[in-house]
Amino acid sequence: MAADPRLAAQISSIREFNRFYTAKLGLLRKHHLDSKFSLSEGRTLYEIGSRPGITASELREALSLDRGYISRLLASLTRRKLIRQSTSDEDAREKHLSLTASGERSRAQLDEGSNHQIATILDTLDPSLRNDLVDSLQRAHGILSRPPSSAVSIERLTKPLPAALEILEEYYEAVHVVKRDKPADLQALLAEPTSAMWLARLNSEIVGCVVLRNLPSIPHSGECKRLYVRPAARGHHIATLLLDALEEQARNLKLKWIYLDTYDDLKPAIALYEQRGYERCGRYNDNPQATLFMRKRI
């Protein structure tokens, strides 16, 4: 069968970009960011720091590394007193991972080095091109991180289904929410033209949700609320797809800002928000449980 010329051209373009990208960021160097760590070691420290208590199996899946390699990698970092491994109470075969104080310092140094390297690259660009570059990379990340369309679907809720109320209650229990919406509140939210709720399905089963709520206290702004993915469905980039839907609707509504609140213990969620361009800001509401406030310009 003859090769598709369009596919061949696309592959060539991606390979050319990959060569340029790796050279520009120095990813082929033996030491990541001119540090004492390899790229795999740096990624490992980042993942463990972002998700304290992550298991070795979860780390292996996140980094797409084989069991033998990840075992040697973790053994090396443990010997160097950069990470701790503790046996899981639920499964003695699993190890929970966390950073030592030395590991935290090393991760912070790598973050600082990465920020400096990226800032150096951005400084060479015209300011008008920087946003274009960031938007393009975020779009590329969103496309490449999408799971197969047949597995995950995102749908906007039009009426307060029992399944929607059920997953909201599960979210409240999971993060210990005190101030909870009642069924009538959901009905009112769905009737509000500048608010919306989305459900995520994995193989037809509802596994996640997110809410865009009108934020009248700040002009041209909305609020991201109730972002939740059931534990068994994590690893399919469902939170990313839910945020994609929410932010697209915000753009359709001509909003300028998306705000959200969270608290310090939700480190994986905070890492996701930061990855998507949300920045920390001052308190904007009276939520007694929130300790961290963020916003993103749409």
C-alpha atoms as a PDB file:
ATOM      1  CA  MET A   1       0.000   0.000   0.000  1.00  0.00           C
ATOM      2  CA  ALA A   2       1.398   3.428  -0.955  1.00  0.00           C
ATOM      3  CA  ALA A   3       2.299   5.756   1.872  1.00  0.00           C
ATOM      4  CA  ASP A   4       0.008   8.722   2.519  1.00  0.00           C
ATOM      5  CA  PRO A   5       2.016  11.787   1.334  1.00  0.00           C
ATOM      6  CA  ARG A   6       0.224  14.050   3.830  1.00  0.00           C
ATOM      7  CA  LEU A   7       1.156  11.778   6.723  1.00  0.00           C
ATOM      8  CA  ALA A   8       4.762  11.624   5.502  1.00  0.00           C
ATOM      9  CA  ALA A   9       4.914  15.441   5.393  1.00  0.00           C
ATOM     10  CA  GLN A  10       3.417  15.688   8.882  1.00  0.00           C
ATOM     11  CA  ILE A  11       5.924  13.187  10.264  1.00  0.00           C
ATOM     12  CA  SER A  12       8.777  15.103   8.646  1.00  0.00           C
ATOM     13  CA  SER A  13       7.575  18.386  10.159  1.00  0.00           C
ATOM     14  CA  ILE A  14       7.272  16.890  13.643  1.00  0.00           C
ATOM     15  CA  ARG A  15      10.725  15.293  13.395  1.00  0.00           C
ATOM     16  CA  GLU A  16      12.226  18.614  12.323  1.00  0.00           C
ATOM     17  CA  PHE A  17      10.541  20.399  15.228  1.00  0.00           C
ATOM     18  CA  ASN A  18      11.736  17.710  17.634  1.00  0.00           C
ATOM     19  CA  ARG A  19      15.347  18.088  16.451  1.00  0.00           C
ATOM     20  CA  PHE A  20      15.169  21.864  16.843  1.00  0.00           C
ATOM     21  CA  TYR A  21      13.408  21.667  20.228  1.00  0.00           C
ATOM     22  CA  THR A  22      15.864  19.203  21.756  1.00  0.00           C
ATOM     23  CA  ALA A  23      18.824  21.229  20.538  1.00  0.00           C
ATOM     24  CA  LYS A  24      17.332  24.534  21.732  1.00  0.00           C
ATOM     25  CA  LEU A  25      16.633  23.239  25.243  1.00  0.00           C
ATOM     26  CA  GLY A  26      19.750  21.107  25.453  1.00  0.00           C
ATOM     27  CA  LEU A  27      17.817  17.892  26.108  1.00  0.00           C
ATOM     28  CA  LEU A  28      20.581  15.764  24.580  1.00  0.00           C
ATOM     29  CA  ARG A  29      23.087  16.827  27.195  1.00  0.00           C
ATOM     30  CA  LYS A  30      24.181  14.182  29.654  1.00  0.00           C
ATOM     31  CA  HIS A  31      23.174  16.359  32.595  1.00  0.00           C
ATOM     32  CA  HIS A  32      19.729  17.940  32.628  1.00  0.00           C
ATOM     33  CA  LEU A  33      19.871  21.762  32.851  1.00  0.00           C
ATOM     34  CA  ASP A  34      23.637  21.485  33.516  1.00  0.00           C
ATOM     35  CA  SER A  35      22.828  19.852  36.866  1.00  0.00           C
ATOM     36  CA  LYS A  36      24.085  16.600  38.355  1.00  0.00           C
ATOM     37  CA  PHE A  37      20.863  14.851  37.267  1.00  0.00           C
ATOM     38  CA  SER A  38      19.862  13.088  34.085  1.00  0.00           C
ATOM     39  CA  LEU A  39      16.594  14.070  32.403  1.00  0.00           C
ATOM     40  CA  SER A  40      14.879  10.943  33.812  1.00  0.00           C
ATOM     41  CA  GLU A  41      16.120  11.737  37.326  1.00  0.00           C
ATOM     42  CA  GLY A  42      14.904  15.320  37.020  1.00  0.00           C
ATOM     43  CA  ARG A  43      11.473  14.170  35.833  1.00  0.00           C
ATOM     44  CA  THR A  44      11.292  11.675  38.685  1.00  0.00           C
ATOM     45  CA  LEU A  45      12.030  14.331  41.304  1.00  0.00           C
ATOM     46  CA  TYR A  46       9.428  16.607  39.731  1.00  0.00           C
ATOM     47  CA  GLU A  47       6.702  13.949  39.691  1.00  0.00           C
ATOM     48  CA  ILE A  48       7.337  12.837  43.280  1.00  0.00           C
ATOM     49  CA  GLY A  49       7.454  16.438  44.482  1.00  0.00           C
ATOM     50  CA  SER A  50       4.188  17.228  42.695  1.00  0.00           C
ATOM     51  CA  ARG A  51       2.443  14.080  43.956  1.00  0.00           C
ATOM     52  CA  PRO A  52       3.754  13.179  47.424  1.00  0.00           C
ATOM     53  CA  GLY A  53       2.892   9.582  48.248  1.00  0.00           C
ATOM     54  CA  ILE A  54       2.795   8.501  44.596  1.00  0.00           C
ATOM     55  CA  THR A  55       3.514   4.792  44.250  1.00  0.00           C
ATOM     56  CA  ALA A  56       6.271   3.312  42.135  1.00  0.00           C
ATOM     57  CA  SER A  57       3.637   1.828  39.810  1.00  0.00           C
ATOM     58  CA  GLU A  58       1.936   5.194  39.331  1.00  0.00           C
ATOM     59  CA  LEU A  59       5.307   6.825  38.682  1.00  0.00           C
ATOM     60  CA  ARG A  60       6.193   4.188  36.117  1.00  0.00           C
ATOM     61  CA  GLU A  61       2.931   4.849  34.290  1.00  0.00           C
ATOM     62  CA  ALA A  62       3.377   8.631  34.418  1.00  0.00           C
ATOM     63  CA  LEU A  63       6.905   8.461  32.975  1.00  0.00           C
ATOM     64  CA  SER A  64       6.256   5.534  30.597  1.00  0.00           C
ATOM     65  CA  LEU A  65       9.345   3.688  31.851  1.00  0.00           C
ATOM     66  CA  ASP A  66       9.817  -0.050  32.211  1.00  0.00           C
ATOM     67  CA  ARG A  67       9.777  -1.720  35.612  1.00  0.00           C
ATOM     68  CA  GLY A  68      13.499  -2.555  35.696  1.00  0.00           C
ATOM     69  CA  TYR A  69      14.623   0.956  34.752  1.00  0.00           C
ATOM     70  CA  ILE A  70      12.344   2.689  37.271  1.00  0.00           C
ATOM     71  CA  SER A  71      13.511   0.290  39.998  1.00  0.00           C
ATOM     72  CA  ARG A  72      17.172   1.154  39.345  1.00  0.00           C
ATOM     73  CA  LEU A  73      16.344   4.848  39.141  1.00  0.00           C
ATOM     74  CA  LEU A  74      14.533   4.862  42.486  1.00  0.00           C
ATOM     75  CA  ALA A  75      17.278   2.805  44.130  1.00  0.00           C
ATOM     76  CA  SER A  76      19.886   5.347  42.992  1.00  0.00           C
ATOM     77  CA  LEU A  77      17.889   8.346  44.236  1.00  0.00           C
ATOM     78  CA  THR A  78      17.256   6.572  47.550  1.00  0.00           C
ATOM     79  CA  ARG A  79      20.978   5.859  48.053  1.00  0.00           C
ATOM     80  CA  ARG A  80      21.688   9.525  47.396  1.00  0.00           C
ATOM     81  CA  LYS A  81      19.142  10.419  50.118  1.00  0.00           C
ATOM     82  CA  LEU A  82      16.947  12.369  47.706  1.00  0.00           C
ATOM     83  CA  ILE A  83      13.777  10.271  48.088  1.00  0.00           C
ATOM     84  CA  ARG A  84      12.148   8.061  50.707  1.00  0.00           C
ATOM     85  CA  GLN A  85      10.331   4.808  50.011  1.00  0.00           C
ATOM     86  CA  SER A  86       7.752   3.532  52.485  1.00  0.00           C
ATOM     87  CA  THR A  87       5.704   0.350  52.232  1.00  0.00           C
ATOM     88  CA  SER A  88       2.014   0.836  51.490  1.00  0.00           C
ATOM     89  CA  ASP A  89      -0.401  -0.181  54.263  1.00  0.00           C
ATOM     90  CA  GLU A  90      -2.872  -1.380  51.617  1.00  0.00           C
ATOM     91  CA  ASP A  91      -0.435  -3.398  49.496  1.00  0.00           C
ATOM     92  CA  ALA A  92       2.925  -4.522  50.869  1.00  0.00           C
ATOM     93  CA  ARG A  93       4.210  -4.896  47.302  1.00  0.00           C
ATOM     94  CA  GLU A  94       3.802  -1.164  46.663  1.00  0.00           C
ATOM     95  CA  LYS A  95       6.104   1.651  47.796  1.00  0.00           C
ATOM     96  CA  HIS A  96       4.957   5.210  48.496  1.00  0.00           C
ATOM     97  CA  LEU A  97       7.500   7.824  47.414  1.00  0.00           C
ATOM     98  CA  SER A  98       8.318  11.244  48.842  1.00  0.00           C
ATOM     99  CA  LEU A  99      11.193  13.714  48.651  1.00  0.00           C
ATOM    100  CA  THR A 100      13.681  14.231  51.452  1.00  0.00           C
ATOM    101  CA  ALA A 101      14.731  17.763  52.393  1.00  0.00           C
ATOM    102  CA  SER A 102      17.714  17.349  50.067  1.00  0.00           C
ATOM    103  CA  GLY A 103      15.398  16.125  47.314  1.00  0.00           C
ATOM    104  CA  GLU A 104      13.133  19.152  47.780  1.00  0.00           C
ATOM    105  CA  ARG A 105      16.128  21.480  47.436  1.00  0.00           C
ATOM    106  CA  SER A 106      17.310  19.668  44.312  1.00  0.00           C
ATOM    107  CA  ARG A 107      13.850  19.860  42.757  1.00  0.00           C
ATOM    108  CA  ALA A 108      13.639  23.582  43.527  1.00  0.00           C
ATOM    109  CA  GLN A 109      17.056  24.125  41.894  1.00  0.00           C
ATOM    110  CA  LEU A 110      15.938  22.230  38.791  1.00  0.00           C
ATOM    111  CA  ASP A 111      12.756  24.304  38.627  1.00  0.00           C
ATOM    112  CA  GLU A 112      14.785  27.488  38.915  1.00  0.00           C
ATOM    113  CA  GLY A 113      17.171  26.312  36.187  1.00  0.00           C
ATOM    114  CA  SER A 114      14.283  25.386  33.906  1.00  0.00           C
ATOM    115  CA  ASN A 115      12.601  28.760  34.462  1.00  0.00           C
ATOM    116  CA  HIS A 116      15.863  30.556  33.705  1.00  0.00           C
ATOM    117  CA  GLN A 117      16.439  28.563  30.513  1.00  0.00           C
ATOM    118  CA  ILE A 118      12.910  29.188  29.240  1.00  0.00           C
ATOM    119  CA  ALA A 119      13.100  32.887  30.159  1.00  0.00           C
ATOM    120  CA  THR A 120      16.348  33.143  28.193  1.00  0.00           C
ATOM    121  CA  ILE A 121      14.655  31.693  25.119  1.00  0.00           C
ATOM    122  CA  LEU A 122      11.615  33.957  25.491  1.00  0.00           C
ATOM    123  CA  ASP A 123      13.843  37.021  25.871  1.00  0.00           C
ATOM    124  CA  THR A 124      15.056  36.488  22.300  1.00  0.00           C
ATOM    125  CA  LEU A 125      11.497  36.723  20.942  1.00  0.00           C
ATOM    126  CA  ASP A 126       9.442  39.754  20.099  1.00  0.00           C
ATOM    127  CA  PRO A 127       6.829  40.196  22.879  1.00  0.00           C
ATOM    128  CA  SER A 128       3.986  39.736  20.391  1.00  0.00           C
ATOM    129  CA  LEU A 129       5.366  36.310  19.471  1.00  0.00           C
ATOM    130  CA  ARG A 130       5.729  35.013  23.018  1.00  0.00           C
ATOM    131  CA  ASN A 131       1.996  34.586  23.575  1.00  0.00           C
ATOM    132  CA  ASP A 132       1.694  32.918  20.165  1.00  0.00           C
ATOM    133  CA  LEU A 133       4.403  30.442  21.156  1.00  0.00           C
ATOM    134  CA  VAL A 134       2.855  29.668  24.550  1.00  0.00           C
ATOM    135  CA  ASP A 135      -0.643  29.279  23.076  1.00  0.00           C
ATOM    136  CA  SER A 136       0.682  26.948  20.374  1.00  0.00           C
ATOM    137  CA  LEU A 137       2.548  24.781  22.874  1.00  0.00           C
ATOM    138  CA  GLN A 138      -0.491  24.570  25.152  1.00  0.00           C
ATOM    139  CA  ARG A 139      -2.629  23.546  22.203  1.00  0.00           C
ATOM    140  CA  ALA A 140      -0.059  20.931  21.135  1.00  0.00           C
ATOM    141  CA  HIS A 141       0.046  19.576  24.683  1.00  0.00           C
ATOM    142  CA  GLY A 142      -3.742  19.363  24.790  1.00  0.00           C
ATOM    143  CA  ILE A 143      -3.890  17.499  21.470  1.00  0.00           C
ATOM    144  CA  LEU A 144      -1.116  15.038  22.322  1.00  0.00           C
ATOM    145  CA  SER A 145      -2.455  14.336  25.825  1.00  0.00           C
ATOM    146  CA  ARG A 146      -5.988  13.530  24.696  1.00  0.00           C
ATOM    147  CA  PRO A 147      -6.954   9.888  25.193  1.00  0.00           C
ATOM    148  CA  PRO A 148      -8.663   8.024  22.335  1.00  0.00           C
ATOM    149  CA  SER A 149     -11.956   9.716  21.562  1.00  0.00           C
ATOM    150  CA  SER A 150     -13.787   6.411  21.871  1.00  0.00           C
ATOM    151  CA  ALA A 151     -12.760   6.045  25.529  1.00  0.00           C
ATOM    152  CA  VAL A 152     -13.443   9.503  27.000  1.00  0.00           C
ATOM    153  CA  SER A 153     -16.198  11.976  26.221  1.00  0.00           C
ATOM    154  CA  ILE A 154     -17.085  15.357  27.726  1.00  0.00           C
ATOM    155  CA  GLU A 155     -20.689  16.511  27.711  1.00  0.00           C
ATOM    156  CA  ARG A 156     -22.322  19.691  28.912  1.00  0.00           C
ATOM    157  CA  LEU A 157     -25.102  19.097  31.409  1.00  0.00           C
ATOM    158  CA  THR A 158     -28.520  20.480  30.475  1.00  0.00           C
ATOM    159  CA  LYS A 159     -30.564  19.276  33.447  1.00  0.00           C
ATOM    160  CA  PRO A 160     -29.703  18.156  37.019  1.00  0.00           C
ATOM    161  CA  LEU A 161     -29.308  14.421  36.462  1.00  0.00           C
ATOM    162  CA  PRO A 162     -29.084  12.189  39.563  1.00  0.00           C
ATOM    163  CA  ALA A 163     -25.649  11.040  38.363  1.00  0.00           C
ATOM    164  CA  ALA A 164     -24.436  14.658  38.389  1.00  0.00           C
ATOM    165  CA  LEU A 165     -25.625  15.153  41.958  1.00  0.00           C
ATOM    166  CA  GLU A 166     -24.004  11.861  42.912  1.00  0.00           C
ATOM    167  CA  ILE A 167     -20.562  12.772  41.604  1.00  0.00           C
ATOM    168  CA  LEU A 168     -20.801  16.217  43.205  1.00  0.00           C
ATOM    169  CA  GLU A 169     -21.501  14.556  46.560  1.00  0.00           C
ATOM    170  CA  GLU A 170     -18.521  12.269  46.001  1.00  0.00           C
ATOM    171  CA  TYR A 171     -16.376  15.343  45.295  1.00  0.00           C
ATOM    172  CA  TYR A 172     -17.597  17.044  48.480  1.00  0.00           C
ATOM    173  CA  GLU A 173     -16.652  14.006  50.556  1.00  0.00           C
ATOM    174  CA  ALA A 174     -13.272  13.550  48.827  1.00  0.00           C
ATOM    175  CA  VAL A 175     -12.070  17.097  49.538  1.00  0.00           C
ATOM    176  CA  HIS A 176     -14.136  17.669  52.716  1.00  0.00           C
ATOM    177  CA  VAL A 177     -16.208  20.552  51.362  1.00  0.00           C
ATOM    178  CA  VAL A 178     -18.271  22.267  54.062  1.00  0.00           C
ATOM    179  CA  LYS A 179     -20.316  24.681  51.927  1.00  0.00           C
ATOM    180  CA  ARG A 180     -22.180  22.383  49.514  1.00  0.00           C
ATOM    181  CA  ASP A 181     -24.619  23.047  46.689  1.00  0.00           C
ATOM    182  CA  LYS A 182     -28.156  21.697  47.027  1.00  0.00           C
ATOM    183  CA  PRO A 183     -30.095  20.188  44.087  1.00  0.00           C
ATOM    184  CA  ALA A 184     -31.933  23.488  43.669  1.00  0.00           C
ATOM    185  CA  ASP A 185     -28.586  25.288  43.426  1.00  0.00           C
ATOM    186  CA  LEU A 186     -27.565  23.033  40.529  1.00  0.00           C
ATOM    187  CA  GLN A 187     -30.868  23.713  38.798  1.00  0.00           C
ATOM    188  CA  ALA A 188     -30.304  27.463  39.152  1.00  0.00           C
ATOM    189  CA  LEU A 189     -26.722  27.177  37.901  1.00  0.00           C
ATOM    190  CA  LEU A 190     -27.797  25.323  34.748  1.00  0.00           C
ATOM    191  CA  ALA A 191     -30.417  27.987  34.073  1.00  0.00           C
ATOM    192  CA  GLU A 192     -27.819  30.759  34.322  1.00  0.00           C
ATOM    193  CA  PRO A 193     -26.555  31.609  30.785  1.00  0.00           C
ATOM    194  CA  THR A 194     -23.038  32.442  31.989  1.00  0.00           C
ATOM    195  CA  SER A 195     -22.627  29.260  34.072  1.00  0.00           C
ATOM    196  CA  ALA A 196     -22.347  25.601  33.082  1.00  0.00           C
ATOM    197  CA  MET A 197     -21.412  22.110  34.242  1.00  0.00           C
ATOM    198  CA  TRP A 198     -19.693  19.324  32.328  1.00  0.00           C
ATOM    199  CA  LEU A 199     -19.536  15.585  32.975  1.00  0.00           C
ATOM    200  CA  ALA A 200     -16.765  13.276  31.804  1.00  0.00           C
ATOM    201  CA  ARG A 201     -17.503   9.715  30.754  1.00  0.00           C
ATOM    202  CA  LEU A 202     -14.993   6.895  30.483  1.00  0.00           C
ATOM    203  CA  ASN A 203     -16.402   3.996  28.480  1.00  0.00           C
ATOM    204  CA  SER A 204     -19.889   5.487  29.002  1.00  0.00           C
ATOM    205  CA  GLU A 205     -19.515   5.690  32.811  1.00  0.00           C
ATOM    206  CA  ILE A 206     -19.567   9.122  34.481  1.00  0.00           C
ATOM    207  CA  VAL A 207     -16.180   9.628  36.126  1.00  0.00           C
ATOM    208  CA  GLY A 208     -15.598  13.382  36.412  1.00  0.00           C
ATOM    209  CA  CYS A 209     -17.074  16.865  36.492  1.00  0.00           C
ATOM    210  CA  VAL A 210     -16.299  20.571  36.458  1.00  0.00           C
ATOM    211  CA  VAL A 211     -18.381  23.718  36.869  1.00  0.00           C
ATOM    212  CA  LEU A 212     -18.037  27.192  35.351  1.00  0.00           C
ATOM    213  CA  ARG A 213     -19.778  29.668  37.597  1.00  0.00           C
ATOM    214  CA  ASN A 214     -20.581  33.309  36.959  1.00  0.00           C
ATOM    215  CA  LEU A 215     -18.407  35.623  39.101  1.00  0.00           C
ATOM    216  CA  PRO A 216     -20.302  38.928  39.289  1.00  0.00           C
ATOM    217  CA  SER A 217     -17.893  40.421  41.840  1.00  0.00           C
ATOM    218  CA  ILE A 218     -15.185  40.677  39.141  1.00  0.00           C
ATOM    219  CA  PRO A 219     -16.157  42.079  35.712  1.00  0.00           C
ATOM    220  CA  HIS A 220     -15.753  39.785  32.694  1.00  0.00           C
ATOM    221  CA  SER A 221     -14.776  36.843  34.909  1.00  0.00           C
ATOM    222  CA  GLY A 222     -15.917  33.329  35.690  1.00  0.00           C
ATOM    223  CA  GLU A 223     -14.954  30.800  38.347  1.00  0.00           C
ATOM    224  CA  CYS A 224     -13.789  27.206  37.934  1.00  0.00           C
ATOM    225  CA  LYS A 225     -15.397  24.988  40.584  1.00  0.00           C
ATOM    226  CA  ARG A 226     -15.899  21.297  41.418  1.00  0.00           C
ATOM    227  CA  LEU A 227     -13.126  19.879  39.227  1.00  0.00           C
ATOM    228  CA  TYR A 228     -13.048  16.197  40.130  1.00  0.00           C
ATOM    229  CA  VAL A 229     -12.081  12.861  38.576  1.00  0.00           C
ATOM    230  CA  ARG A 230     -12.820   9.577  40.300  1.00  0.00           C
ATOM    231  CA  PRO A 231      -9.591   7.848  41.458  1.00  0.00           C
ATOM    232  CA  ALA A 232     -10.157   4.751  39.322  1.00  0.00           C
ATOM    233  CA  ALA A 233     -10.367   6.926  36.174  1.00  0.00           C
ATOM    234  CA  ARG A 234      -7.241   8.991  36.733  1.00  0.00           C
ATOM    235  CA  GLY A 235      -4.386   8.699  34.266  1.00  0.00           C
ATOM    236  CA  HIS A 236      -6.587   9.376  31.213  1.00  0.00           C
ATOM    237  CA  HIS A 237      -6.054  13.186  31.195  1.00  0.00           C
ATOM    238  CA  ILE A 238      -9.739  13.667  31.999  1.00  0.00           C
ATOM    239  CA  ALA A 239      -9.140  16.756  34.161  1.00  0.00           C
ATOM    240  CA  THR A 240      -7.329  18.326  31.196  1.00  0.00           C
ATOM    241  CA  LEU A 241     -10.282  17.639  28.891  1.00  0.00           C
ATOM    242  CA  LEU A 242     -12.742  19.067  31.423  1.00  0.00           C
ATOM    243  CA  LEU A 243     -10.687  22.247  31.716  1.00  0.00           C
ATOM    244  CA  ASP A 244     -10.476  22.449  27.921  1.00  0.00           C
ATOM    245  CA  ALA A 245     -14.279  22.467  27.741  1.00  0.00           C
ATOM    246  CA  LEU A 246     -14.605  25.035  30.528  1.00  0.00           C
ATOM    247  CA  GLU A 247     -12.029  27.417  29.050  1.00  0.00           C
ATOM    248  CA  GLU A 248     -13.512  27.129  25.557  1.00  0.00           C
ATOM    249  CA  GLN A 249     -16.911  28.131  26.927  1.00  0.00           C
ATOM    250  CA  ALA A 250     -15.298  31.032  28.802  1.00  0.00           C
ATOM    251  CA  ARG A 251     -13.858  32.258  25.499  1.00  0.00           C
ATOM    252  CA  ASN A 252     -17.246  31.898  23.820  1.00  0.00           C
ATOM    253  CA  LEU A 253     -18.722  34.064  26.587  1.00  0.00           C
ATOM    254  CA  LYS A 254     -15.984  36.679  25.976  1.00  0.00           C
ATOM    255  CA  LEU A 255     -14.714  36.334  29.536  1.00  0.00           C
ATOM    256  CA  LYS A 256     -11.277  37.755  30.266  1.00  0.00           C
ATOM    257  CA  TRP A 257     -10.405  35.822  33.437  1.00  0.00           C
ATOM    258  CA  ILE A 258     -11.019  32.454  35.036  1.00  0.00           C
ATOM    259  CA  TYR A 259     -10.581  32.380  38.829  1.00  0.00           C
ATOM    260  CA  LEU A 260     -10.418  29.400  41.167  1.00  0.00           C
ATOM    261  CA  ASP A 261      -9.715  28.587  44.786  1.00  0.00           C
ATOM    262  CA  THR A 262      -8.140  25.500  46.316  1.00  0.00           C
ATOM    263  CA  TYR A 263      -6.052  24.575  49.320  1.00  0.00           C
ATOM    264  CA  ASP A 264      -2.411  23.673  49.792  1.00  0.00           C
ATOM    265  CA  ASP A 265      -2.892  19.920  50.295  1.00  0.00           C
ATOM    266  CA  LEU A 266      -4.225  19.424  46.754  1.00  0.00           C
ATOM    267  CA  LYS A 267      -0.771  19.451  45.170  1.00  0.00           C
ATOM    268  CA  PRO A 268      -1.609  17.452  41.996  1.00  0.00           C
ATOM    269  CA  ALA A 269      -4.474  19.847  41.234  1.00  0.00           C
ATOM    270  CA  ILE A 270      -2.265  22.879  41.863  1.00  0.00           C
ATOM    271  CA  ALA A 271       0.413  21.435  39.557  1.00  0.00           C
ATOM    272  CA  LEU A 272      -2.203  20.944  36.821  1.00  0.00           C
ATOM    273  CA  TYR A 273      -3.486  24.508  37.175  1.00  0.00           C
ATOM    274  CA  GLU A 274       0.039  25.928  37.029  1.00  0.00           C
ATOM    275  CA  GLN A 275       0.818  23.813  33.980  1.00  0.00           C
ATOM    276  CA  ARG A 276      -2.192  25.340  32.225  1.00  0.00           C
ATOM    277  CA  GLY A 277      -1.127  28.906  32.981  1.00  0.00           C
ATOM    278  CA  TYR A 278      -3.080  29.688  36.158  1.00  0.00           C
ATOM    279  CA  GLU A 279      -1.165  32.063  38.417  1.00  0.00           C
ATOM    280  CA  ARG A 280      -1.526  32.732  42.118  1.00  0.00           C
ATOM    281  CA  CYS A 281      -3.477  35.819  43.092  1.00  0.00           C
ATOM    282  CA  GLY A 282      -5.043  37.446  46.114  1.00  0.00           C
ATOM    283  CA  ARG A 283      -8.163  36.199  47.875  1.00  0.00           C
ATOM    284  CA  TYR A 284     -11.259  37.030  45.826  1.00  0.00           C
ATOM    285  CA  ASN A 285     -14.016  35.265  47.836  1.00  0.00           C
ATOM    286  CA  ASP A 286     -15.004  34.324  51.390  1.00  0.00           C
ATOM    287  CA  ASN A 287     -14.561  30.542  51.105  1.00  0.00           C
ATOM    288  CA  PRO A 288     -13.362  29.618  54.627  1.00  0.00           C
ATOM    289  CA  GLN A 289     -11.618  26.446  53.442  1.00  0.00           C
ATOM    290  CA  ALA A 290      -9.589  27.964  50.608  1.00  0.00           C
ATOM    291  CA  THR A 291      -5.937  28.778  51.249  1.00  0.00           C
ATOM    292  CA  LEU A 292      -4.783  29.362  47.671  1.00  0.00           C
ATOM    293  CA  PHE A 293      -6.305  31.524  44.942  1.00  0.00           C
ATOM    294  CA  MET A 294      -5.418  31.457  41.253  1.00  0.00           C
ATOM    295  CA  ARG A 295      -6.499  33.022  37.979  1.00  0.00           C
ATOM    296  CA  LYS A 296      -5.825  32.728  34.256  1.00  0.00           C
ATOM    297  CA  ARG A 297      -6.303  35.281  31.511  1.00  0.00           C
ATOM    298  CA  ILE A 298      -8.384  33.750  28.726  1.00  0.00           C
END
